């Protein structure tokens, strides 16, 4: 399990689908091997989900496939 202090110092990257109008936005960091921390960009000091890499990759691949339909 990651400590909150480790996530505070992470380099977060906002989704390319985010906009400046306050839409539903997520941020991820790729600083942690084996997991992908995900947080709400509107509450950067709030909680983060810690998702193992394999399920995250499956999720992203599925989203990309759905956008092709």
C-alpha atoms as a PDB file:
ATOM      1  CA  UNK A   1       0.000   0.000   0.000  1.00  0.00           C
ATOM      2  CA  UNK A   2       1.283   3.473  -0.853  1.00  0.00           C
ATOM      3  CA  UNK A   3       1.618   6.172   1.764  1.00  0.00           C
ATOM      4  CA  UNK A   4      -0.284   9.412   1.233  1.00  0.00           C
ATOM      5  CA  UNK A   5       3.008  11.319   1.423  1.00  0.00           C
ATOM      6  CA  UNK A   6       4.319   9.404  -1.597  1.00  0.00           C
ATOM      7  CA  UNK A   7       1.294  10.448  -3.650  1.00  0.00           C
ATOM      8  CA  UNK A   8       1.629  14.097  -2.619  1.00  0.00           C
ATOM      9  CA  UNK A   9       5.001  14.254  -4.364  1.00  0.00           C
ATOM     10  CA  UNK A  10       3.864  12.398  -7.493  1.00  0.00           C
ATOM     11  CA  UNK A  11       3.803  13.994 -10.954  1.00  0.00           C
ATOM     12  CA  UNK A  12       0.106  13.869 -11.877  1.00  0.00           C
ATOM     13  CA  UNK A  13      -1.064  14.017 -15.489  1.00  0.00           C
ATOM     14  CA  UNK A  14      -4.558  15.174 -16.402  1.00  0.00           C
ATOM     15  CA  UNK A  15      -6.640  13.214 -18.889  1.00  0.00           C
ATOM     16  CA  UNK A  16      -6.456  14.471 -22.455  1.00  0.00           C
ATOM     17  CA  UNK A  17     -10.282  14.577 -22.357  1.00  0.00           C
ATOM     18  CA  UNK A  18     -10.274  17.134 -19.538  1.00  0.00           C
ATOM     19  CA  UNK A  19     -11.325  20.666 -20.279  1.00  0.00           C
ATOM     20  CA  UNK A  20     -11.141  24.028 -18.570  1.00  0.00           C
ATOM     21  CA  UNK A  21     -14.916  24.184 -18.014  1.00  0.00           C
ATOM     22  CA  UNK A  22     -14.819  22.099 -14.827  1.00  0.00           C
ATOM     23  CA  UNK A  23     -15.892  18.864 -16.470  1.00  0.00           C
ATOM     24  CA  UNK A  24     -15.442  15.412 -14.980  1.00  0.00           C
ATOM     25  CA  UNK A  25     -11.668  15.003 -15.042  1.00  0.00           C
ATOM     26  CA  UNK A  26      -9.241  12.408 -13.817  1.00  0.00           C
ATOM     27  CA  UNK A  27      -5.517  12.498 -13.244  1.00  0.00           C
ATOM     28  CA  UNK A  28      -3.077   9.607 -13.106  1.00  0.00           C
ATOM     29  CA  UNK A  29       0.539   9.231 -12.169  1.00  0.00           C
ATOM     30  CA  UNK A  30       2.899   6.691 -13.637  1.00  0.00           C
ATOM     31  CA  UNK A  31       5.523   7.107 -10.913  1.00  0.00           C
ATOM     32  CA  UNK A  32       4.710   3.834  -9.135  1.00  0.00           C
ATOM     33  CA  UNK A  33       5.675   0.476 -10.670  1.00  0.00           C
ATOM     34  CA  UNK A  34       2.885  -2.079 -10.684  1.00  0.00           C
ATOM     35  CA  UNK A  35       0.033   0.312  -9.849  1.00  0.00           C
ATOM     36  CA  UNK A  36      -1.727   3.332 -11.342  1.00  0.00           C
ATOM     37  CA  UNK A  37      -2.932   5.915  -8.808  1.00  0.00           C
ATOM     38  CA  UNK A  38      -6.023   7.765 -10.095  1.00  0.00           C
ATOM     39  CA  UNK A  39      -7.631  10.875  -8.589  1.00  0.00           C
ATOM     40  CA  UNK A  40     -10.284  13.491  -9.325  1.00  0.00           C
ATOM     41  CA  UNK A  41      -8.539  16.557 -10.733  1.00  0.00           C
ATOM     42  CA  UNK A  42     -11.108  18.833  -9.094  1.00  0.00           C
ATOM     43  CA  UNK A  43     -10.075  17.586  -5.624  1.00  0.00           C
ATOM     44  CA  UNK A  44      -6.318  17.028  -5.907  1.00  0.00           C
ATOM     45  CA  UNK A  45      -5.885  16.742  -2.143  1.00  0.00           C
ATOM     46  CA  UNK A  46      -8.673  14.196  -1.863  1.00  0.00           C
ATOM     47  CA  UNK A  47      -8.376  10.412  -2.002  1.00  0.00           C
ATOM     48  CA  UNK A  48      -6.778   8.467  -4.842  1.00  0.00           C
ATOM     49  CA  UNK A  49      -7.660   5.029  -6.136  1.00  0.00           C
ATOM     50  CA  UNK A  50      -4.686   2.671  -6.411  1.00  0.00           C
ATOM     51  CA  UNK A  51      -5.327   0.296  -9.332  1.00  0.00           C
ATOM     52  CA  UNK A  52      -3.032  -2.598 -10.309  1.00  0.00           C
ATOM     53  CA  UNK A  53      -1.490  -2.141 -13.772  1.00  0.00           C
ATOM     54  CA  UNK A  54      -3.114  -5.172 -15.440  1.00  0.00           C
ATOM     55  CA  UNK A  55      -6.755  -4.223 -14.664  1.00  0.00           C
ATOM     56  CA  UNK A  56      -5.973  -0.583 -15.555  1.00  0.00           C
ATOM     57  CA  UNK A  57      -4.560  -1.656 -18.937  1.00  0.00           C
ATOM     58  CA  UNK A  58      -7.629  -3.819 -19.592  1.00  0.00           C
ATOM     59  CA  UNK A  59      -9.916  -0.905 -18.671  1.00  0.00           C
ATOM     60  CA  UNK A  60      -8.112   1.578 -20.965  1.00  0.00           C
ATOM     61  CA  UNK A  61      -7.969  -0.938 -23.830  1.00  0.00           C
ATOM     62  CA  UNK A  62     -11.723  -1.501 -23.476  1.00  0.00           C
ATOM     63  CA  UNK A  63     -12.424   2.245 -23.530  1.00  0.00           C
ATOM     64  CA  UNK A  64     -10.328   2.688 -26.648  1.00  0.00           C
ATOM     65  CA  UNK A  65     -12.126  -0.202 -28.351  1.00  0.00           C
ATOM     66  CA  UNK A  66     -15.533   1.293 -27.480  1.00  0.00           C
ATOM     67  CA  UNK A  67     -14.543   4.635 -28.969  1.00  0.00           C
ATOM     68  CA  UNK A  68     -13.821   2.887 -32.285  1.00  0.00           C
ATOM     69  CA  UNK A  69     -17.433   1.678 -32.591  1.00  0.00           C
END
